[in-house]
Amino acid sequence: MIKQQFFESINEIEMRVHSAEQQIQSIGNAECLALKLSLITIARGSCSMVISPGHSKKGHFAKLHIPSNRNVIEAVLSLPQEHFDKLTKRMLQIADRVVTAKVTLDKTLVLDHQGCLIIEDSTDALITNLIWTFSLK
Protein backbone atom coordinates (compact mmCIF):
# COMPACT_ATOMS: atom_id res chain seq x y z
CA MET A 1 0.00 0.00 0.00
CA ILE A 2 1.30 3.48 -0.90
CA LYS A 3 1.62 5.92 1.98
CA GLN A 4 -0.64 8.98 2.03
CA GLN A 5 2.42 11.28 1.84
CA PHE A 6 2.93 10.25 -1.79
CA PHE A 7 -0.42 11.71 -2.86
CA GLU A 8 -1.26 15.32 -3.64
CA SER A 9 -4.79 16.75 -3.46
CA ILE A 10 -5.66 19.53 -5.90
CA ASN A 11 -8.77 21.47 -6.88
CA GLU A 12 -7.09 23.58 -9.59
CA ILE A 13 -5.86 22.44 -12.98
CA GLU A 14 -3.53 24.61 -15.01
CA MET A 15 -3.45 24.10 -18.77
CA ARG A 16 -1.72 25.58 -21.83
CA VAL A 17 -3.70 26.31 -25.00
CA HIS A 18 -2.32 24.16 -27.80
CA SER A 19 -4.84 25.17 -30.49
CA ALA A 20 -7.96 27.31 -30.75
CA GLU A 21 -10.64 27.34 -33.44
CA GLN A 22 -13.70 29.50 -33.81
CA GLN A 23 -16.62 27.53 -35.19
CA ILE A 24 -19.66 29.28 -36.64
CA GLN A 25 -22.78 27.38 -37.62
CA SER A 26 -24.69 29.15 -40.39
CA ILE A 27 -28.01 27.50 -39.68
CA GLY A 28 -29.15 28.34 -36.18
CA ASN A 29 -26.69 31.23 -35.81
CA ALA A 30 -24.54 29.33 -33.29
CA GLU A 31 -20.85 29.83 -32.55
CA CYS A 32 -18.24 28.43 -30.21
CA LEU A 33 -14.55 28.31 -29.45
CA ALA A 34 -13.04 24.83 -29.61
CA LEU A 35 -9.78 24.62 -27.68
CA LYS A 36 -7.23 21.86 -27.26
CA LEU A 37 -5.12 22.26 -24.13
CA SER A 38 -2.17 20.41 -22.68
CA LEU A 39 -2.18 19.80 -18.94
CA ILE A 40 0.46 21.46 -16.77
CA THR A 41 -0.69 20.49 -13.27
CA ILE A 42 -1.41 16.87 -14.22
CA ALA A 43 1.43 14.78 -15.70
CA ARG A 44 -0.46 13.02 -18.49
CA GLY A 45 -3.36 13.89 -20.73
CA SER A 46 -4.99 16.82 -22.43
CA CYS A 47 -8.22 18.80 -22.34
CA SER A 48 -10.82 19.43 -25.01
CA MET A 49 -12.73 22.62 -24.15
CA VAL A 50 -15.80 24.02 -25.89
CA ILE A 51 -16.83 27.57 -24.99
CA SER A 52 -20.07 29.06 -26.27
CA PRO A 53 -22.01 32.24 -25.59
CA GLY A 54 -25.09 31.74 -23.49
CA HIS A 55 -27.44 33.27 -21.01
CA SER A 56 -27.24 32.04 -17.47
CA LYS A 57 -28.62 33.57 -14.30
CA LYS A 58 -25.21 33.19 -12.68
CA GLY A 59 -23.41 34.67 -15.70
CA HIS A 60 -21.67 31.43 -16.66
CA PHE A 61 -22.06 27.68 -16.74
CA ALA A 62 -19.01 25.44 -16.69
CA LYS A 63 -18.47 21.75 -16.13
CA LEU A 64 -15.61 19.30 -16.45
CA HIS A 65 -15.80 15.59 -17.24
CA ILE A 66 -12.87 13.26 -16.60
CA PRO A 67 -13.47 9.90 -18.26
CA SER A 68 -11.92 6.86 -16.61
CA ASN A 69 -11.08 5.17 -19.92
CA ARG A 70 -9.07 7.91 -21.70
CA ASN A 71 -6.63 10.73 -20.98
CA VAL A 72 -8.74 13.56 -22.44
CA ILE A 73 -10.57 15.80 -20.00
CA GLU A 74 -13.70 17.39 -21.48
CA ALA A 75 -14.76 20.89 -20.48
CA VAL A 76 -17.94 22.70 -21.56
CA LEU A 77 -18.43 26.38 -20.75
CA SER A 78 -21.12 28.92 -21.44
CA LEU A 79 -20.17 32.58 -21.02
CA PRO A 80 -22.18 35.78 -21.37
CA GLN A 81 -21.93 37.09 -24.95
CA GLU A 82 -19.79 40.06 -23.87
CA HIS A 83 -17.23 37.81 -22.15
CA PHE A 84 -17.26 35.33 -25.04
CA ASP A 85 -16.59 38.14 -27.56
CA LYS A 86 -13.79 39.55 -25.40
CA LEU A 87 -12.12 36.14 -25.06
CA THR A 88 -12.43 35.46 -28.81
CA LYS A 89 -10.94 38.85 -29.66
CA ARG A 90 -8.05 38.35 -27.24
CA MET A 91 -7.31 34.86 -28.62
CA LEU A 92 -7.18 36.30 -32.15
CA GLN A 93 -4.81 39.10 -31.13
CA ILE A 94 -2.17 36.83 -29.66
CA ALA A 95 -2.57 33.65 -31.68
CA ASP A 96 1.19 32.90 -31.70
CA ARG A 97 1.80 33.47 -27.98
CA VAL A 98 1.33 31.26 -24.94
CA VAL A 99 -2.10 31.32 -23.31
CA THR A 100 -2.81 29.43 -20.11
CA ALA A 101 -6.03 28.63 -18.30
CA LYS A 102 -6.40 27.78 -14.62
CA VAL A 103 -9.67 26.14 -13.64
CA THR A 104 -10.85 25.80 -10.06
CA LEU A 105 -13.15 22.85 -9.40
CA ASP A 106 -15.80 22.15 -6.80
CA LYS A 107 -14.16 18.74 -6.21
CA THR A 108 -10.76 17.63 -5.03
CA LEU A 109 -8.65 15.48 -7.33
CA VAL A 110 -5.79 13.22 -6.25
CA LEU A 111 -2.40 12.92 -7.98
CA ASP A 112 0.16 10.20 -7.37
CA HIS A 113 3.87 10.86 -6.70
CA GLN A 114 4.50 11.20 -10.47
CA GLY A 115 1.75 13.80 -10.91
CA CYS A 116 -0.67 11.39 -12.61
CA LEU A 117 -4.38 11.65 -11.85
CA ILE A 118 -5.83 8.83 -9.77
CA ILE A 119 -9.50 8.04 -10.46
CA GLU A 120 -11.43 4.79 -10.41
CA ASP A 121 -14.62 5.97 -12.13
CA SER A 122 -15.43 8.80 -14.50
CA THR A 123 -15.66 12.05 -12.59
CA ASP A 124 -17.77 15.17 -13.15
CA ALA A 125 -17.07 18.53 -11.51
CA LEU A 126 -18.29 22.09 -11.79
CA ILE A 127 -15.78 24.76 -12.75
CA THR A 128 -16.18 27.44 -10.10
CA ASN A 129 -13.53 29.80 -11.47
CA LEU A 130 -11.53 30.18 -14.68
CA ILE A 131 -8.53 32.46 -15.07
CA TRP A 132 -6.99 33.12 -18.49
CA THR A 133 -3.39 34.33 -18.66
CA PHE A 134 -2.20 35.96 -21.88
CA SER A 135 1.49 36.67 -22.43
CA LEU A 136 2.25 40.27 -23.34
CA LYS A 137 5.03 41.46 -25.57
C-alpha atoms as a PDB file:
ATOM      1  CA  MET A   1       0.000   0.000   0.000  1.00  0.00           C
ATOM      2  CA  ILE A   2       1.302   3.483  -0.896  1.00  0.00           C
ATOM      3  CA  LYS A   3       1.623   5.916   1.983  1.00  0.00           C
ATOM      4  CA  GLN A   4      -0.643   8.984   2.026  1.00  0.00           C
ATOM      5  CA  GLN A   5       2.420  11.284   1.845  1.00  0.00           C
ATOM      6  CA  PHE A   6       2.928  10.253  -1.787  1.00  0.00           C
ATOM      7  CA  PHE A   7      -0.418  11.710  -2.859  1.00  0.00           C
ATOM      8  CA  GLU A   8      -1.265  15.320  -3.636  1.00  0.00           C
ATOM      9  CA  SER A   9      -4.785  16.752  -3.460  1.00  0.00           C
ATOM     10  CA  ILE A  10      -5.659  19.534  -5.898  1.00  0.00           C
ATOM     11  CA  ASN A  11      -8.770  21.468  -6.876  1.00  0.00           C
ATOM     12  CA  GLU A  12      -7.095  23.575  -9.589  1.00  0.00           C
ATOM     13  CA  ILE A  13      -5.857  22.436 -12.976  1.00  0.00           C
ATOM     14  CA  GLU A  14      -3.531  24.610 -15.012  1.00  0.00           C
ATOM     15  CA  MET A  15      -3.451  24.097 -18.775  1.00  0.00           C
ATOM     16  CA  ARG A  16      -1.718  25.579 -21.830  1.00  0.00           C
ATOM     17  CA  VAL A  17      -3.698  26.308 -24.996  1.00  0.00           C
ATOM     18  CA  HIS A  18      -2.324  24.155 -27.803  1.00  0.00           C
ATOM     19  CA  SER A  19      -4.836  25.169 -30.493  1.00  0.00           C
ATOM     20  CA  ALA A  20      -7.964  27.309 -30.754  1.00  0.00           C
ATOM     21  CA  GLU A  21     -10.640  27.341 -33.436  1.00  0.00           C
ATOM     22  CA  GLN A  22     -13.697  29.505 -33.810  1.00  0.00           C
ATOM     23  CA  GLN A  23     -16.619  27.525 -35.191  1.00  0.00           C
ATOM     24  CA  ILE A  24     -19.662  29.279 -36.645  1.00  0.00           C
ATOM     25  CA  GLN A  25     -22.785  27.382 -37.616  1.00  0.00           C
ATOM     26  CA  SER A  26     -24.691  29.152 -40.388  1.00  0.00           C
ATOM     27  CA  ILE A  27     -28.007  27.496 -39.677  1.00  0.00           C
ATOM     28  CA  GLY A  28     -29.145  28.340 -36.178  1.00  0.00           C
ATOM     29  CA  ASN A  29     -26.692  31.228 -35.815  1.00  0.00           C
ATOM     30  CA  ALA A  30     -24.538  29.325 -33.286  1.00  0.00           C
ATOM     31  CA  GLU A  31     -20.849  29.826 -32.550  1.00  0.00           C
ATOM     32  CA  CYS A  32     -18.244  28.433 -30.208  1.00  0.00           C
ATOM     33  CA  LEU A  33     -14.551  28.315 -29.450  1.00  0.00           C
ATOM     34  CA  ALA A  34     -13.042  24.831 -29.613  1.00  0.00           C
ATOM     35  CA  LEU A  35      -9.780  24.623 -27.676  1.00  0.00           C
ATOM     36  CA  LYS A  36      -7.227  21.862 -27.262  1.00  0.00           C
ATOM     37  CA  LEU A  37      -5.122  22.262 -24.132  1.00  0.00           C
ATOM     38  CA  SER A  38      -2.165  20.413 -22.679  1.00  0.00           C
ATOM     39  CA  LEU A  39      -2.178  19.801 -18.942  1.00  0.00           C
ATOM     40  CA  ILE A  40       0.455  21.463 -16.770  1.00  0.00           C
ATOM     41  CA  THR A  41      -0.692  20.489 -13.272  1.00  0.00           C
ATOM     42  CA  ILE A  42      -1.405  16.866 -14.221  1.00  0.00           C
ATOM     43  CA  ALA A  43       1.426  14.776 -15.696  1.00  0.00           C
ATOM     44  CA  ARG A  44      -0.463  13.016 -18.488  1.00  0.00           C
ATOM     45  CA  GLY A  45      -3.364  13.885 -20.729  1.00  0.00           C
ATOM     46  CA  SER A  46      -4.987  16.818 -22.434  1.00  0.00           C
ATOM     47  CA  CYS A  47      -8.215  18.796 -22.344  1.00  0.00           C
ATOM     48  CA  SER A  48     -10.816  19.426 -25.010  1.00  0.00           C
ATOM     49  CA  MET A  49     -12.727  22.618 -24.148  1.00  0.00           C
ATOM     50  CA  VAL A  50     -15.801  24.024 -25.887  1.00  0.00           C
ATOM     51  CA  ILE A  51     -16.831  27.567 -24.993  1.00  0.00           C
ATOM     52  CA  SER A  52     -20.069  29.058 -26.269  1.00  0.00           C
ATOM     53  CA  PRO A  53     -22.007  32.238 -25.592  1.00  0.00           C
ATOM     54  CA  GLY A  54     -25.091  31.739 -23.487  1.00  0.00           C
ATOM     55  CA  HIS A  55     -27.444  33.275 -21.012  1.00  0.00           C
ATOM     56  CA  SER A  56     -27.243  32.036 -17.467  1.00  0.00           C
ATOM     57  CA  LYS A  57     -28.621  33.568 -14.297  1.00  0.00           C
ATOM     58  CA  LYS A  58     -25.206  33.187 -12.682  1.00  0.00           C
ATOM     59  CA  GLY A  59     -23.409  34.665 -15.704  1.00  0.00           C
ATOM     60  CA  HIS A  60     -21.670  31.434 -16.658  1.00  0.00           C
ATOM     61  CA  PHE A  61     -22.057  27.678 -16.735  1.00  0.00           C
ATOM     62  CA  ALA A  62     -19.015  25.443 -16.695  1.00  0.00           C
ATOM     63  CA  LYS A  63     -18.468  21.746 -16.128  1.00  0.00           C
ATOM     64  CA  LEU A  64     -15.611  19.305 -16.446  1.00  0.00           C
ATOM     65  CA  HIS A  65     -15.797  15.592 -17.240  1.00  0.00           C
ATOM     66  CA  ILE A  66     -12.871  13.264 -16.601  1.00  0.00           C
ATOM     67  CA  PRO A  67     -13.470   9.900 -18.255  1.00  0.00           C
ATOM     68  CA  SER A  68     -11.920   6.861 -16.608  1.00  0.00           C
ATOM     69  CA  ASN A  69     -11.083   5.173 -19.917  1.00  0.00           C
ATOM     70  CA  ARG A  70      -9.068   7.914 -21.700  1.00  0.00           C
ATOM     71  CA  ASN A  71      -6.633  10.729 -20.977  1.00  0.00           C
ATOM     72  CA  VAL A  72      -8.740  13.561 -22.439  1.00  0.00           C
ATOM     73  CA  ILE A  73     -10.571  15.798 -19.996  1.00  0.00           C
ATOM     74  CA  GLU A  74     -13.703  17.390 -21.485  1.00  0.00           C
ATOM     75  CA  ALA A  75     -14.762  20.894 -20.478  1.00  0.00           C
ATOM     76  CA  VAL A  76     -17.940  22.703 -21.556  1.00  0.00           C
ATOM     77  CA  LEU A  77     -18.429  26.378 -20.751  1.00  0.00           C
ATOM     78  CA  SER A  78     -21.116  28.917 -21.439  1.00  0.00           C
ATOM     79  CA  LEU A  79     -20.172  32.582 -21.017  1.00  0.00           C
ATOM     80  CA  PRO A  80     -22.181  35.779 -21.373  1.00  0.00           C
ATOM     81  CA  GLN A  81     -21.927  37.090 -24.953  1.00  0.00           C
ATOM     82  CA  GLU A  82     -19.789  40.063 -23.865  1.00  0.00           C
ATOM     83  CA  HIS A  83     -17.226  37.807 -22.146  1.00  0.00           C
ATOM     84  CA  PHE A  84     -17.264  35.333 -25.038  1.00  0.00           C
ATOM     85  CA  ASP A  85     -16.595  38.139 -27.556  1.00  0.00           C
ATOM     86  CA  LYS A  86     -13.789  39.550 -25.402  1.00  0.00           C
ATOM     87  CA  LEU A  87     -12.123  36.135 -25.064  1.00  0.00           C
ATOM     88  CA  THR A  88     -12.432  35.455 -28.807  1.00  0.00           C
ATOM     89  CA  LYS A  89     -10.939  38.851 -29.665  1.00  0.00           C
ATOM     90  CA  ARG A  90      -8.052  38.349 -27.243  1.00  0.00           C
ATOM     91  CA  MET A  91      -7.309  34.864 -28.619  1.00  0.00           C
ATOM     92  CA  LEU A  92      -7.178  36.299 -32.148  1.00  0.00           C
ATOM     93  CA  GLN A  93      -4.806  39.095 -31.134  1.00  0.00           C
ATOM     94  CA  ILE A  94      -2.166  36.833 -29.661  1.00  0.00           C
ATOM     95  CA  ALA A  95      -2.566  33.650 -31.683  1.00  0.00           C
ATOM     96  CA  ASP A  96       1.186  32.903 -31.695  1.00  0.00           C
ATOM     97  CA  ARG A  97       1.797  33.471 -27.978  1.00  0.00           C
ATOM     98  CA  VAL A  98       1.334  31.265 -24.939  1.00  0.00           C
ATOM     99  CA  VAL A  99      -2.103  31.315 -23.308  1.00  0.00           C
ATOM    100  CA  THR A 100      -2.813  29.428 -20.107  1.00  0.00           C
ATOM    101  CA  ALA A 101      -6.030  28.627 -18.297  1.00  0.00           C
ATOM    102  CA  LYS A 102      -6.398  27.784 -14.622  1.00  0.00           C
ATOM    103  CA  VAL A 103      -9.672  26.140 -13.640  1.00  0.00           C
ATOM    104  CA  THR A 104     -10.854  25.797 -10.057  1.00  0.00           C
ATOM    105  CA  LEU A 105     -13.150  22.852  -9.401  1.00  0.00           C
ATOM    106  CA  ASP A 106     -15.799  22.150  -6.800  1.00  0.00           C
ATOM    107  CA  LYS A 107     -14.161  18.744  -6.213  1.00  0.00           C
ATOM    108  CA  THR A 108     -10.757  17.633  -5.027  1.00  0.00           C
ATOM    109  CA  LEU A 109      -8.648  15.479  -7.330  1.00  0.00           C
ATOM    110  CA  VAL A 110      -5.786  13.219  -6.255  1.00  0.00           C
ATOM    111  CA  LEU A 111      -2.403  12.923  -7.981  1.00  0.00           C
ATOM    112  CA  ASP A 112       0.164  10.204  -7.374  1.00  0.00           C
ATOM    113  CA  HIS A 113       3.869  10.864  -6.698  1.00  0.00           C
ATOM    114  CA  GLN A 114       4.495  11.201 -10.470  1.00  0.00           C
ATOM    115  CA  GLY A 115       1.746  13.796 -10.907  1.00  0.00           C
ATOM    116  CA  CYS A 116      -0.671  11.387 -12.613  1.00  0.00           C
ATOM    117  CA  LEU A 117      -4.377  11.652 -11.847  1.00  0.00           C
ATOM    118  CA  ILE A 118      -5.832   8.829  -9.770  1.00  0.00           C
ATOM    119  CA  ILE A 119      -9.497   8.036 -10.459  1.00  0.00           C
ATOM    120  CA  GLU A 120     -11.434   4.795 -10.413  1.00  0.00           C
ATOM    121  CA  ASP A 121     -14.618   5.966 -12.130  1.00  0.00           C
ATOM    122  CA  SER A 122     -15.427   8.795 -14.499  1.00  0.00           C
ATOM    123  CA  THR A 123     -15.662  12.055 -12.586  1.00  0.00           C
ATOM    124  CA  ASP A 124     -17.771  15.173 -13.152  1.00  0.00           C
ATOM    125  CA  ALA A 125     -17.069  18.529 -11.515  1.00  0.00           C
ATOM    126  CA  LEU A 126     -18.287  22.092 -11.788  1.00  0.00           C
ATOM    127  CA  ILE A 127     -15.780  24.761 -12.746  1.00  0.00           C
ATOM    128  CA  THR A 128     -16.181  27.443 -10.098  1.00  0.00           C
ATOM    129  CA  ASN A 129     -13.526  29.802 -11.473  1.00  0.00           C
ATOM    130  CA  LEU A 130     -11.534  30.177 -14.680  1.00  0.00           C
ATOM    131  CA  ILE A 131      -8.535  32.455 -15.073  1.00  0.00           C
ATOM    132  CA  TRP A 132      -6.989  33.124 -18.488  1.00  0.00           C
ATOM    133  CA  THR A 133      -3.387  34.331 -18.661  1.00  0.00           C
ATOM    134  CA  PHE A 134      -2.204  35.957 -21.882  1.00  0.00           C
ATOM    135  CA  SER A 135       1.485  36.669 -22.433  1.00  0.00           C
ATOM    136  CA  LEU A 136       2.255  40.269 -23.337  1.00  0.00           C
ATOM    137  CA  LYS A 137       5.027  41.461 -25.573  1.00  0.00           C
END
